Protein backbone atom coordinates (compact mmCIF):
# COMPACT_ATOMS: atom_id res chain seq x y z
CA UNK A 1 178.72 -86.08 84.20
CA UNK A 2 177.14 -83.90 86.88
CA UNK A 3 174.80 -80.94 87.28
CA UNK A 4 176.29 -80.02 90.68
CA UNK A 5 176.75 -76.26 90.36
CA UNK A 6 179.57 -76.13 92.91
CA UNK A 7 181.57 -78.78 91.01
CA UNK A 8 181.00 -77.03 87.67
CA UNK A 9 181.96 -73.64 89.15
CA UNK A 10 185.17 -75.15 90.59
CA UNK A 11 186.11 -76.47 87.16
CA UNK A 12 185.32 -73.15 85.39
CA UNK A 13 187.38 -71.17 87.94
CA UNK A 14 190.31 -73.57 87.45
CA UNK A 15 190.08 -73.37 83.66
CA UNK A 16 190.14 -69.57 83.81
CA UNK A 17 193.16 -69.61 86.15
CA UNK A 18 195.25 -72.46 84.71
CA UNK A 19 194.35 -72.29 80.98
CA UNK A 20 194.39 -76.04 80.08
CA UNK A 21 193.91 -77.08 76.44
CA UNK A 22 191.11 -79.54 77.35
CA UNK A 23 189.12 -80.99 80.24
CA UNK A 24 188.72 -84.79 80.67
CA UNK A 25 186.35 -86.30 83.24
CA UNK A 26 187.54 -89.52 84.90
CA UNK A 27 184.54 -91.87 84.70
CA UNK A 28 186.19 -94.82 86.50
CA UNK A 29 185.63 -97.29 83.66
CA UNK A 30 188.32 -99.87 82.96
CA UNK A 31 188.27 -98.91 79.27
CA UNK A 32 189.13 -95.29 80.05
CA UNK A 33 191.78 -96.23 82.64
CA UNK A 34 193.42 -98.61 80.15
CA UNK A 35 193.51 -95.79 77.60
CA UNK A 36 195.17 -93.56 80.21
CA UNK A 37 197.79 -96.25 80.91
CA UNK A 38 198.54 -96.61 77.21
CA UNK A 39 198.87 -92.82 76.89
CA UNK A 40 201.18 -92.66 79.94
CA UNK A 41 203.46 -95.32 78.40
CA UNK A 42 203.53 -93.48 75.05
CA UNK A 43 204.45 -90.23 76.84
CA UNK A 44 207.22 -91.94 78.85
CA UNK A 45 205.48 -91.37 82.18
CA UNK A 46 205.05 -95.09 82.85
CA UNK A 47 207.14 -98.11 81.81
CA UNK A 48 205.08 -101.23 81.13
CA UNK A 49 206.52 -104.19 83.04
CA UNK A 50 206.61 -107.86 82.01
CA UNK A 51 202.88 -108.65 81.76
CA UNK A 52 203.42 -112.39 82.17
CA UNK A 53 205.31 -111.97 85.47
CA UNK A 54 203.65 -108.77 86.73
CA UNK A 55 200.27 -108.44 84.97
CA UNK A 56 198.85 -104.92 84.93
CA UNK A 57 202.02 -103.48 86.57
CA UNK A 58 203.95 -100.35 85.64
CA UNK A 59 207.03 -98.41 86.77
CA UNK A 60 207.22 -94.65 87.25
CA UNK A 61 210.19 -92.41 88.07
CA UNK A 62 209.70 -89.03 89.72
CA UNK A 63 212.00 -86.06 89.25
CA UNK A 64 215.04 -86.45 91.51
CA UNK A 65 214.12 -83.38 93.56
CA UNK A 66 210.64 -84.76 94.23
CA UNK A 67 210.81 -88.11 96.01
CA UNK A 68 208.99 -87.77 99.35
CA UNK A 69 206.47 -85.81 101.38
CA UNK A 70 207.92 -82.36 102.11
CA UNK A 71 206.91 -81.37 105.63
CA UNK A 72 208.73 -78.03 105.32
CA UNK A 73 206.56 -77.06 102.33
CA UNK A 74 203.31 -78.39 103.79
CA UNK A 75 201.03 -75.78 105.35
CA UNK A 76 197.82 -75.65 107.35
CA UNK A 77 196.17 -72.37 106.38
CA UNK A 78 193.66 -70.73 108.68
CA UNK A 79 192.48 -67.23 109.58
CA UNK A 80 194.08 -67.34 113.05
CA UNK A 81 197.58 -68.68 113.65
CA UNK A 82 196.81 -70.42 116.96
CA UNK A 83 194.10 -72.52 115.27
CA UNK A 84 196.85 -74.31 113.30
CA UNK A 85 200.19 -73.87 115.04
CA UNK A 86 202.57 -74.51 116.76
CA UNK A 87 203.10 -78.07 115.45
CA UNK A 88 202.03 -77.24 111.89
CA UNK A 89 203.57 -74.82 109.43
CA UNK A 90 201.00 -72.01 109.27
CA UNK A 91 200.05 -69.49 106.63
CA UNK A 92 197.17 -67.03 106.81
CA UNK A 93 194.40 -68.21 104.45
CA UNK A 94 194.08 -65.05 102.36
CA UNK A 95 197.85 -64.71 101.97
CA UNK A 96 198.12 -68.36 100.90
CA UNK A 97 195.34 -68.08 98.30
CA UNK A 98 196.97 -64.96 96.82
CA UNK A 99 200.39 -66.64 96.57
CA UNK A 100 198.96 -69.83 95.04
CA UNK A 101 196.87 -67.97 92.44
CA UNK A 102 200.06 -66.38 91.09
CA UNK A 103 201.80 -69.77 90.90
CA UNK A 104 198.83 -71.44 89.16
CA UNK A 105 198.32 -68.65 86.59
CA UNK A 106 198.53 -70.34 83.16
CA UNK A 107 200.40 -73.37 84.57
CA UNK A 108 198.35 -75.91 82.57
CA UNK A 109 198.77 -74.25 79.17
CA UNK A 110 198.92 -77.02 76.53
CA UNK A 111 198.02 -79.70 79.10
CA UNK A 112 194.93 -81.72 79.94
CA UNK A 113 192.93 -80.92 83.08
CA UNK A 114 191.63 -84.18 84.57
CA UNK A 115 188.56 -84.12 86.81
CA UNK A 116 188.70 -86.94 89.39
CA UNK A 117 185.52 -87.47 91.43
CA UNK A 118 186.52 -89.79 94.28
CA UNK A 119 185.06 -91.29 97.45
CA UNK A 120 187.11 -91.88 100.57
CA UNK A 121 185.34 -94.93 101.98
CA UNK A 122 182.79 -97.22 100.36
CA UNK A 123 180.61 -95.26 97.91
CA UNK A 124 177.42 -94.21 99.67
CA UNK A 125 178.48 -95.15 103.23
CA UNK A 126 177.60 -92.69 106.00
CA UNK A 127 181.28 -92.89 106.97
CA UNK A 128 182.44 -91.76 103.53
CA UNK A 129 183.35 -88.33 102.18
CA UNK A 130 183.63 -87.20 98.57
CA UNK A 131 186.38 -85.15 96.96
CA UNK A 132 186.96 -83.66 93.52
CA UNK A 133 190.62 -83.45 92.53
CA UNK A 134 191.55 -81.37 89.49
CA UNK A 135 195.03 -82.24 88.20
CA UNK A 136 197.21 -82.07 85.09
CA UNK A 137 198.98 -85.33 86.01
CA UNK A 138 197.96 -88.62 84.45
CA UNK A 139 200.15 -90.31 87.10
CA UNK A 140 197.89 -88.83 89.77
CA UNK A 141 194.79 -90.07 87.92
CA UNK A 142 196.06 -93.66 87.74
CA UNK A 143 197.21 -93.73 91.38
CA UNK A 144 193.99 -92.18 92.69
CA UNK A 145 192.07 -94.84 90.75
CA UNK A 146 193.88 -97.46 92.87
CA UNK A 147 193.87 -95.67 96.24
CA UNK A 148 190.25 -94.44 96.18
CA UNK A 149 186.90 -95.19 94.52
CA UNK A 150 186.67 -92.95 91.44
CA UNK A 151 184.24 -92.08 88.70
CA UNK A 152 180.62 -91.65 87.72
CA UNK A 153 179.19 -93.64 90.65
CA UNK A 154 180.75 -91.10 93.03
CA UNK A 155 179.05 -88.18 91.28
CA UNK A 156 175.73 -90.05 91.40
CA UNK A 157 176.01 -90.28 95.19
CA UNK A 158 177.25 -86.67 95.51
CA UNK A 159 174.24 -85.20 93.71
CA UNK A 160 174.07 -81.51 94.65
CA UNK A 161 176.01 -82.06 97.90
CA UNK A 162 179.26 -80.64 99.23
CA UNK A 163 182.72 -82.04 98.58
CA UNK A 164 186.39 -81.40 99.40
CA UNK A 165 188.09 -79.37 96.67
CA UNK A 166 191.54 -80.50 95.54
CA UNK A 167 193.62 -78.63 92.97
CA UNK A 168 197.01 -79.92 91.81
CA UNK A 169 199.49 -79.06 89.11
CA UNK A 170 203.01 -80.37 88.73
CA UNK A 171 203.72 -76.98 87.06
CA UNK A 172 207.55 -76.67 86.73
CA UNK A 173 208.39 -79.21 89.48
CA UNK A 174 210.30 -76.36 91.14
CA UNK A 175 211.55 -77.11 94.67
CA UNK A 176 211.51 -73.40 95.58
CA UNK A 177 207.89 -72.99 94.49
CA UNK A 178 206.61 -76.31 95.88
CA UNK A 179 203.64 -75.91 98.25
CA UNK A 180 201.08 -78.31 99.69
CA UNK A 181 198.46 -76.12 101.34
CA UNK A 182 195.41 -77.20 103.33
CA UNK A 183 192.47 -74.95 104.13
CA UNK A 184 190.44 -76.95 106.69
CA UNK A 185 188.01 -74.07 107.23
CA UNK A 186 187.19 -74.17 103.49
CA UNK A 187 187.41 -77.95 102.76
CA UNK A 188 190.15 -77.17 100.23
CA UNK A 189 193.58 -78.60 99.34
CA UNK A 190 195.96 -76.97 96.85
CA UNK A 191 199.26 -78.58 95.75
CA UNK A 192 201.76 -77.29 93.21
CA UNK A 193 205.21 -78.16 91.82
CA UNK A 194 205.27 -81.76 93.02
CA UNK A 195 204.32 -85.02 91.35
CA UNK A 196 205.17 -87.36 94.26
CA UNK A 197 202.48 -89.49 95.93
CA UNK A 198 201.88 -88.02 99.39
CA UNK A 199 202.03 -84.45 98.07
CA UNK A 200 199.67 -84.92 95.12
CA UNK A 201 197.38 -87.91 95.72
CA UNK A 202 195.13 -85.52 97.59
CA UNK A 203 192.73 -88.16 98.90
CA UNK A 204 195.46 -89.70 101.04
CA UNK A 205 197.17 -87.80 103.90
CA UNK A 206 195.91 -84.40 102.68
CA UNK A 207 192.19 -85.25 102.76
CA UNK A 208 191.94 -88.46 104.80
CA UNK A 209 193.96 -87.03 107.72
CA UNK A 210 194.60 -83.27 107.61
CA UNK A 211 191.20 -82.14 106.30
CA UNK A 212 189.29 -85.11 107.78
CA UNK A 213 190.74 -84.57 111.27
CA UNK A 214 189.22 -81.07 111.20
CA UNK A 215 185.93 -82.40 109.80
CA UNK A 216 185.94 -85.00 112.57
CA UNK A 217 186.39 -82.32 115.23
CA UNK A 218 183.49 -80.26 113.90
CA UNK A 219 181.19 -83.23 113.17
CA UNK A 220 181.99 -85.45 116.18
CA UNK A 221 184.10 -88.30 114.75
CA UNK A 222 187.82 -89.09 114.41
CA UNK A 223 190.29 -89.36 111.52
CA UNK A 224 193.38 -91.20 112.71
CA UNK A 225 196.74 -92.39 111.36
CA UNK A 226 195.93 -95.98 112.35
CA UNK A 227 195.97 -99.47 110.91
CA UNK A 228 192.91 -101.66 111.52
CA UNK A 229 193.25 -105.42 111.94
CA UNK A 230 190.97 -108.26 112.96
CA UNK A 231 192.07 -111.26 115.04
CA UNK A 232 189.91 -114.31 114.24
CA UNK A 233 189.73 -116.88 117.01
CA UNK A 234 189.47 -120.64 116.41
CA UNK A 235 185.70 -120.42 117.16
CA UNK A 236 185.25 -118.00 114.20
CA UNK A 237 184.75 -114.86 116.31
CA UNK A 238 186.77 -111.81 115.21
CA UNK A 239 187.91 -108.90 117.40
CA UNK A 240 189.23 -105.64 115.95
CA UNK A 241 192.13 -103.40 116.93
CA UNK A 242 193.16 -99.95 115.65
CA UNK A 243 196.83 -99.06 116.16
CA UNK A 244 198.98 -95.95 115.67
CA UNK A 245 202.75 -96.06 115.19
CA UNK A 246 205.28 -93.46 114.00
CA UNK A 247 207.30 -94.35 110.91
CA UNK A 248 209.82 -97.22 111.10
CA UNK A 249 207.85 -98.99 113.83
CA UNK A 250 206.42 -101.90 111.81
CA UNK A 251 202.94 -100.55 111.08
CA UNK A 252 202.34 -102.29 107.74
CA UNK A 253 203.90 -105.52 109.04
CA UNK A 254 201.45 -105.52 111.97
CA UNK A 255 198.49 -104.69 109.70
CA UNK A 256 199.28 -107.77 107.59
CA UNK A 257 200.58 -109.96 110.42
CA UNK A 258 200.90 -113.71 109.86
CA UNK A 259 200.34 -115.59 113.14
CA UNK A 260 203.14 -117.86 114.40
CA UNK A 261 202.83 -121.57 113.57
CA UNK A 262 201.62 -122.42 117.09
CA UNK A 263 198.65 -120.05 116.59
CA UNK A 264 197.97 -121.08 112.98
CA UNK A 265 197.68 -124.73 114.03
CA UNK A 266 195.01 -123.77 116.56
CA UNK A 267 193.04 -121.92 113.88
CA UNK A 268 193.89 -118.26 114.58
CA UNK A 269 193.86 -115.86 111.63
CA UNK A 270 194.60 -112.16 111.23
CA UNK A 271 192.71 -109.99 108.75
CA UNK A 272 193.78 -106.59 107.42
CA UNK A 273 191.08 -103.91 107.23
CA UNK A 274 193.59 -101.11 106.65
CA UNK A 275 197.30 -100.35 106.94
CA UNK A 276 197.38 -96.57 107.34
CA UNK A 277 194.22 -94.60 108.07
CA UNK A 278 191.10 -95.16 110.20
CA UNK A 279 187.95 -93.06 110.31
CA UNK A 280 186.19 -93.76 113.60
CA UNK A 281 182.59 -93.03 114.64
CA UNK A 282 180.32 -93.84 117.55
CA UNK A 283 177.90 -96.67 116.68
CA UNK A 284 174.30 -97.07 117.82
CA UNK A 285 175.45 -99.58 120.46
CA UNK A 286 177.79 -97.06 122.11
CA UNK A 287 180.97 -98.63 120.72
CA UNK A 288 183.51 -97.08 118.36
CA UNK A 289 183.43 -98.34 114.76
CA UNK A 290 186.28 -97.89 112.28
CA UNK A 291 186.56 -97.92 108.49
CA UNK A 292 189.58 -97.68 106.22
CA UNK A 293 188.72 -94.81 103.84
CA UNK A 294 191.28 -95.97 101.27
CA UNK A 295 190.90 -98.54 98.51
CA UNK A 296 194.57 -99.48 98.14
CA UNK A 297 198.00 -99.45 99.73
CA UNK A 298 200.75 -96.88 99.17
CA UNK A 299 203.60 -98.85 100.72
CA UNK A 300 207.34 -98.39 101.10
CA UNK A 301 209.07 -100.95 98.87
CA UNK A 302 212.60 -101.32 100.39
CA UNK A 303 212.65 -104.01 103.07
CA UNK A 304 209.42 -105.62 101.84
CA UNK A 305 210.13 -109.27 101.11
CA UNK A 306 208.86 -112.83 101.45
CA UNK A 307 210.04 -112.99 105.06
CA UNK A 308 209.29 -109.51 106.44
CA UNK A 309 205.82 -109.11 104.90
CA UNK A 310 204.75 -111.79 102.40
CA UNK A 311 201.18 -110.45 102.30
CA UNK A 312 202.38 -107.00 101.21
CA UNK A 313 204.72 -108.51 98.63
CA UNK A 314 201.94 -110.68 97.15
CA UNK A 315 199.66 -107.64 97.03
CA UNK A 316 202.08 -105.99 94.57
CA UNK A 317 202.09 -108.85 92.05
CA UNK A 318 199.38 -107.41 89.76
CA UNK A 319 197.76 -104.09 88.78
CA UNK A 320 200.37 -102.14 90.77
CA UNK A 321 202.27 -98.92 90.01
CA UNK A 322 205.84 -98.97 91.34
CA UNK A 323 207.56 -95.61 91.89
CA UNK A 324 211.34 -95.07 92.06
CA UNK A 325 212.37 -98.73 92.33
CA UNK A 326 215.07 -100.38 90.19
CA UNK A 327 214.21 -101.94 86.82
CA UNK A 328 215.51 -105.34 85.73
CA UNK A 329 216.13 -104.99 81.99
CA UNK A 330 216.72 -108.74 81.58
CA UNK A 331 213.18 -109.78 82.48
CA UNK A 332 211.13 -106.56 82.66
CA UNK A 333 210.49 -106.74 86.41
CA UNK A 334 211.41 -104.54 89.38
CA UNK A 335 213.82 -104.84 92.31
CA UNK A 336 214.58 -102.98 95.52
CA UNK A 337 216.99 -103.28 98.43
CA UNK A 338 215.79 -105.96 100.82
CA UNK A 339 213.64 -107.78 98.22
CA UNK A 340 216.14 -110.64 97.83
CA UNK A 341 219.88 -111.20 97.47
CA UNK A 342 219.76 -111.23 93.64
CA UNK A 343 219.95 -107.66 92.33
CA UNK A 344 219.73 -107.36 88.54
CA UNK A 345 222.93 -107.84 86.58
CA UNK A 346 221.51 -105.60 83.87
CA UNK A 347 219.46 -103.04 85.76
CA UNK A 348 218.43 -99.41 85.62
CA UNK A 349 218.33 -97.49 88.91
CA UNK A 350 215.53 -95.19 90.12
CA UNK A 351 217.27 -92.24 88.45
CA UNK A 352 217.23 -93.98 85.06
CA UNK A 353 220.95 -94.83 85.01
CA UNK A 354 222.51 -98.24 84.16
CA UNK A 355 222.97 -100.12 87.44
CA UNK A 356 223.87 -103.45 88.97
CA UNK A 357 224.19 -104.69 92.54
CA UNK A 358 228.00 -104.54 92.50
CA UNK A 359 228.27 -100.79 91.91
CA UNK A 360 230.02 -98.59 94.50
CA UNK A 361 230.22 -94.82 94.88
CA UNK A 362 233.42 -92.75 95.28
CA UNK A 363 233.57 -93.65 98.98
CA UNK A 364 233.21 -97.38 98.27
CA UNK A 365 229.60 -97.56 99.52
CA UNK A 366 227.02 -99.57 97.55
CA UNK A 367 224.98 -97.51 95.07
CA UNK A 368 221.29 -98.10 95.75
CA UNK A 369 219.10 -99.27 92.88
CA UNK A 370 215.84 -98.10 94.48
CA UNK A 371 215.24 -94.85 96.35
CA UNK A 372 214.89 -95.49 100.14
CA UNK A 373 211.35 -94.05 99.93
CA UNK A 374 210.39 -95.89 96.74
CA UNK A 375 206.76 -97.02 96.74
CA UNK A 376 204.11 -99.36 95.43
CA UNK A 377 200.50 -98.36 94.82
CA UNK A 378 198.53 -101.60 94.97
CA UNK A 379 194.80 -102.41 95.08
CA UNK A 380 193.60 -103.60 98.50
CA UNK A 381 191.65 -106.38 96.80
CA UNK A 382 195.01 -108.02 95.97
CA UNK A 383 195.88 -108.52 99.65
CA UNK A 384 195.74 -112.22 100.63
CA UNK A 385 194.65 -111.33 104.19
CA UNK A 386 192.11 -108.61 103.31
CA UNK A 387 189.19 -108.65 105.73
CA UNK A 388 185.76 -109.57 104.39
CA UNK A 389 184.58 -106.48 106.32
CA UNK A 390 186.75 -104.19 104.16
CA UNK A 391 183.74 -102.79 102.28
CA UNK A 392 181.36 -102.87 105.27
CA UNK A 393 179.73 -99.40 105.15
CA UNK A 394 179.22 -99.46 108.95
CA UNK A 395 182.84 -100.29 109.78
CA UNK A 396 184.12 -102.75 112.39
CA UNK A 397 183.70 -102.45 116.19
CA UNK A 398 186.94 -101.67 118.04
CA UNK A 399 187.86 -103.68 121.12
CA UNK A 400 191.22 -101.95 121.58
CA UNK A 401 193.22 -98.91 120.52
CA UNK A 402 196.99 -99.43 120.56
CA UNK A 403 199.77 -96.85 120.54
CA UNK A 404 203.44 -97.68 120.07
CA UNK A 405 206.91 -96.34 119.50
CA UNK A 406 210.55 -97.33 119.26
CA UNK A 407 212.06 -97.13 122.78
CA UNK A 408 215.26 -98.96 123.73
CA UNK A 409 214.75 -98.96 127.51
CA UNK A 410 211.78 -96.85 128.61
CA UNK A 411 208.47 -98.46 127.64
CA UNK A 412 207.66 -102.08 128.52
CA UNK A 413 206.58 -104.61 125.89
CA UNK A 414 202.94 -103.74 126.59
CA UNK A 415 200.88 -101.86 129.15
CA UNK A 416 197.25 -100.82 129.47
CA UNK A 417 196.02 -97.35 130.37
CA UNK A 418 193.87 -97.00 133.48
CA UNK A 419 191.04 -95.01 131.82
CA UNK A 420 190.06 -93.30 128.57
CA UNK A 421 191.65 -90.00 129.60
CA UNK A 422 194.77 -91.80 130.77
CA UNK A 423 194.84 -93.52 127.37
CA UNK A 424 194.63 -90.12 125.65
CA UNK A 425 197.58 -89.06 127.82
CA UNK A 426 199.53 -92.15 126.72
CA UNK A 427 198.78 -91.37 123.06
CA UNK A 428 199.59 -87.67 123.46
CA UNK A 429 203.05 -88.48 124.83
CA UNK A 430 203.92 -91.12 122.22
CA UNK A 431 207.54 -91.01 121.13
CA UNK A 432 210.21 -92.83 119.17
CA UNK A 433 213.96 -92.72 119.53
CA UNK A 434 215.97 -92.02 116.40
CA UNK A 435 218.18 -94.72 114.96
CA UNK A 436 221.66 -94.15 113.54
CA UNK A 437 220.32 -94.77 110.04
CA UNK A 438 217.81 -91.95 110.41
CA UNK A 439 219.86 -89.05 111.70
CA UNK A 440 223.35 -90.01 112.79
CA UNK A 441 222.27 -89.38 116.39
CA UNK A 442 221.02 -92.34 118.39
CA UNK A 443 218.34 -92.22 121.06
CA UNK A 444 217.00 -88.70 120.42
CA UNK A 445 213.36 -88.74 121.51
CA UNK A 446 210.87 -87.35 118.97
CA UNK A 447 207.34 -86.85 120.29
CA UNK A 448 204.73 -87.90 117.75
CA UNK A 449 201.30 -87.79 119.45
CA UNK A 450 199.00 -90.54 118.16
CA UNK A 451 201.46 -90.70 115.18
CA UNK A 452 199.63 -87.57 113.96
CA UNK A 453 202.35 -84.94 114.31
CA UNK A 454 202.63 -84.38 110.51
CA UNK A 455 198.91 -84.90 109.86
CA UNK A 456 196.72 -82.95 112.31
CA UNK A 457 194.74 -80.33 110.42
CA UNK A 458 194.43 -77.95 113.38
CA UNK A 459 195.92 -77.06 116.79
CA UNK A 460 197.39 -80.14 118.53
CA UNK A 461 196.02 -79.12 121.94
CA UNK A 462 192.52 -78.87 120.45
CA UNK A 463 193.08 -82.31 118.90
CA UNK A 464 193.80 -83.77 122.36
CA UNK A 465 190.64 -82.04 123.67
CA UNK A 466 188.63 -83.66 120.86
CA UNK A 467 189.88 -87.09 121.95
CA UNK A 468 188.73 -86.35 125.50
CA UNK A 469 185.33 -85.20 124.21
CA UNK A 470 184.96 -88.38 122.15
CA UNK A 471 185.50 -90.41 125.32
CA UNK A 472 182.40 -88.76 126.83
CA UNK A 473 180.31 -89.85 123.81
CA UNK A 474 181.23 -93.54 123.96
CA UNK A 475 179.27 -95.69 126.40
CA UNK A 476 181.45 -98.75 125.73
CA UNK A 477 184.88 -97.39 124.78
CA UNK A 478 187.72 -99.61 123.58
CA UNK A 479 190.53 -100.09 126.07
CA UNK A 480 193.76 -98.25 125.26
CA UNK A 481 197.22 -99.85 125.28
CA UNK A 482 200.84 -99.03 124.48
CA UNK A 483 203.31 -101.49 122.93
CA UNK A 484 207.05 -101.40 122.36
CA UNK A 485 208.58 -104.13 120.18
CA UNK A 486 212.00 -102.44 120.30
CA UNK A 487 213.52 -102.92 123.75
CA UNK A 488 217.23 -103.73 123.45
CA UNK A 489 219.82 -105.53 125.55
CA UNK A 490 223.08 -103.93 126.66
CA UNK A 491 224.66 -104.72 123.27
CA UNK A 492 221.83 -102.96 121.42
CA UNK A 493 220.13 -106.14 120.11
CA UNK A 494 216.34 -106.36 120.05
CA UNK A 495 215.07 -108.74 122.74
CA UNK A 496 211.54 -109.38 121.47
CA UNK A 497 211.39 -111.25 118.12
CA UNK A 498 208.62 -109.01 116.69
CA UNK A 499 206.87 -109.61 113.32
CA UNK A 500 204.35 -112.49 113.60
CA UNK A 501 205.21 -113.07 117.25
CA UNK A 502 203.57 -109.74 118.08
CA UNK A 503 200.39 -111.83 117.88
CA UNK A 504 201.27 -113.04 121.40
CA UNK A 505 200.91 -109.50 122.72
CA UNK A 506 197.70 -108.90 120.77
CA UNK A 507 196.27 -112.03 122.39
CA UNK A 508 196.91 -110.58 125.86
CA UNK A 509 195.48 -107.19 124.83
CA UNK A 510 192.23 -108.75 123.62
CA UNK A 511 192.01 -110.96 126.72
CA UNK A 512 192.26 -107.80 128.84
CA UNK A 513 189.47 -106.20 126.81
CA UNK A 514 187.19 -109.03 127.93
CA UNK A 515 188.55 -109.16 131.50
CA UNK A 516 189.77 -112.71 130.90
CA UNK A 517 193.27 -112.15 132.29
CA UNK A 518 194.71 -110.32 135.28
CA UNK A 519 197.38 -107.59 135.30
CA UNK A 520 199.79 -105.87 137.66
CA UNK A 521 199.13 -102.22 138.55
CA UNK A 522 202.24 -100.04 138.12
CA UNK A 523 202.82 -96.25 138.16
CA UNK A 524 202.33 -96.09 134.37
CA UNK A 525 199.36 -98.48 134.01
CA UNK A 526 198.49 -102.17 133.96
CA UNK A 527 201.29 -104.54 132.92
CA UNK A 528 200.88 -108.28 132.18
CA UNK A 529 202.04 -110.98 134.51
CA UNK A 530 204.98 -112.47 132.61
CA UNK A 531 203.46 -115.96 132.56
CA UNK A 532 200.34 -114.58 130.79
CA UNK A 533 202.30 -113.78 127.61
CA UNK A 534 202.26 -116.99 125.55
CA UNK A 535 205.86 -117.94 124.66
CA UNK A 536 205.05 -121.46 123.41
CA UNK A 537 207.32 -122.32 120.47
CA UNK A 538 209.58 -119.27 120.95
CA UNK A 539 213.32 -120.00 120.89
CA UNK A 540 215.46 -118.13 123.41
CA UNK A 541 212.58 -116.37 125.14
CA UNK A 542 211.82 -117.47 128.71
CA UNK A 543 209.41 -116.20 131.37
CA UNK A 544 212.40 -114.35 132.84
CA UNK A 545 213.03 -112.70 129.46
CA UNK A 546 209.41 -111.51 129.42
CA UNK A 547 209.76 -110.26 133.01
CA UNK A 548 212.70 -108.15 131.83
CA UNK A 549 210.67 -106.80 128.90
CA UNK A 550 207.91 -105.74 131.30
CA UNK A 551 210.15 -104.03 133.86
CA UNK A 552 209.54 -100.37 134.61
CA UNK A 553 212.46 -98.30 135.84
CA UNK A 554 211.15 -95.40 137.93
CA UNK A 555 214.15 -93.13 137.31
CA UNK A 556 213.85 -93.61 133.54
CA UNK A 557 210.14 -92.81 133.79
CA UNK A 558 210.82 -89.68 135.86
CA UNK A 559 212.99 -88.49 132.95
CA UNK A 560 210.16 -89.46 130.61
CA UNK A 561 207.65 -87.41 132.63
CA UNK A 562 209.99 -84.40 132.43
CA UNK A 563 210.19 -84.90 128.67
CA UNK A 564 206.38 -84.99 128.39
CA UNK A 565 206.12 -81.80 130.48
CA UNK A 566 208.63 -80.08 128.19
CA UNK A 567 206.68 -81.20 125.12
CA UNK A 568 203.38 -79.94 126.55
CA UNK A 569 205.15 -76.62 127.17
CA UNK A 570 205.85 -76.35 123.44
CA UNK A 571 202.12 -76.63 122.64
CA UNK A 572 199.16 -74.36 123.27
CA UNK A 573 195.67 -75.24 124.57
CA UNK A 574 196.74 -78.53 126.19
CA UNK A 575 193.63 -79.75 128.07
CA UNK A 576 193.73 -79.61 131.88
CA UNK A 577 192.76 -83.29 131.96
CA UNK A 578 196.14 -84.21 130.38
CA UNK A 579 198.08 -81.92 132.71
CA UNK A 580 196.29 -83.66 135.59
CA UNK A 581 197.27 -87.08 134.18
CA UNK A 582 200.91 -85.95 133.99
CA UNK A 583 200.83 -84.65 137.57
CA UNK A 584 199.30 -87.94 138.76
CA UNK A 585 202.00 -89.94 136.93
CA UNK A 586 204.73 -87.89 138.63
CA UNK A 587 203.09 -88.42 142.02
CA UNK A 588 202.91 -92.20 141.51
CA UNK A 589 206.55 -92.32 140.42
CA UNK A 590 207.57 -90.46 143.60
CA UNK A 591 205.49 -92.72 145.86
């Protein structure tokens, strides 16, 4: 399928190391993919679901010790430790290659080696990058065919060019020998002893964030853990926002937001360009343009329902692979906690055991049918609110960049940074407070800069410096904001309704981007006047409620500044510009 000598050499080296029985090239044709699906069902890797109710859909169960990304086994490998640490797990490149070669020796004996040529981004776009993943997992093949553009057309565009190497084997699925290693200096990813999505679908977090963030630094662009959405006004004009949130902060719900009725009646619409990753470059007009390098969604199933995110739910209704959800044996469909109040009477849980919604464990707690991190891999084309710009090779122009976190008292509903560098400071100090469900400890602040803590492919301080450098390249930069949907009252209840009503905050953000609305200057940045947040049609929310949501407590923020200083002290190479921003914040809080 190709005469690219580097691709062919990569395959020959892998054959010699892993000893597969055969090599199969993934050409991307529907006929070949359908044959793979049939083979996966015959081998018990996939379960074919009811094709009348869920056409083209399948269920997969991973090994019980292999159900999520494993940060503790994920490494950034470089020659010098300080180029990767202290946020990342580090291993010296040569040492890592030596260890991995021993683990891969003969690991594909009797298995098929699949060659997956894939493009992150529209095939042929100047934004896009090409990878070759070699794997012994047919599950990986079928998921990568949904999440990226795969096949012959990718090789045609690659020609004799360079690519990101990806090597994966599920090997023995050993927890002790599980490693996901990234070599940004060599454009290489190597993963072994896992068969779970984020560890093995190497185009996703591994390439599109960890390797791409390093490529972006060296080539002058940005790879960010951001959704991209477009707000269409009644006059037909659309403005675009990129937004970064840590987990459990409503990222996918915002990406697929449905405007409140009061906005829909006026003709507002929201379009999803991407729910997870944005690659951002400087356009000829001096603005930042963003593309979603993925071709599908790898979403968390539990909690997704007709009320919380109907667009996501509808996206899963055809040609989707579900992983670790419950199976309804009565009608051949799937179920997960939070889908509806009708769990199967005759079900099978994610472990493969008989299950129904009435089952309790030894302590009397409900037995879950789906794993809390169960997933759906669904084609983006299924999404009812997919932007018509999804395949635009030039991307969409960004009016705003939004950061956010889960803070009970600290951050106001929304505020705007005072400059690009101040916005980088806001992003660098992003944090969420833990919930009881997550850790047993409530209110512990976890810093997650730009929501990239698990995904930066190099030193975090250098990553901040790259953001500052990008600001110098952009003549017309987007304005930078911070949002917090999660302020609580004294009883711990959320005050802001969230979900579709977040549109009201987006409206103010975009009005600020065009200088159409005023703001109040505070020590932390520009905050709305309460009356400028549209609360029409909102029950129980008054202008006074909004005033409360926008309040800034100086003592709380002094504690916050101390927390940011402590976090910076844990890093290396933090740019002086950010230290200056912190000092200026402290001075304003003392004034």
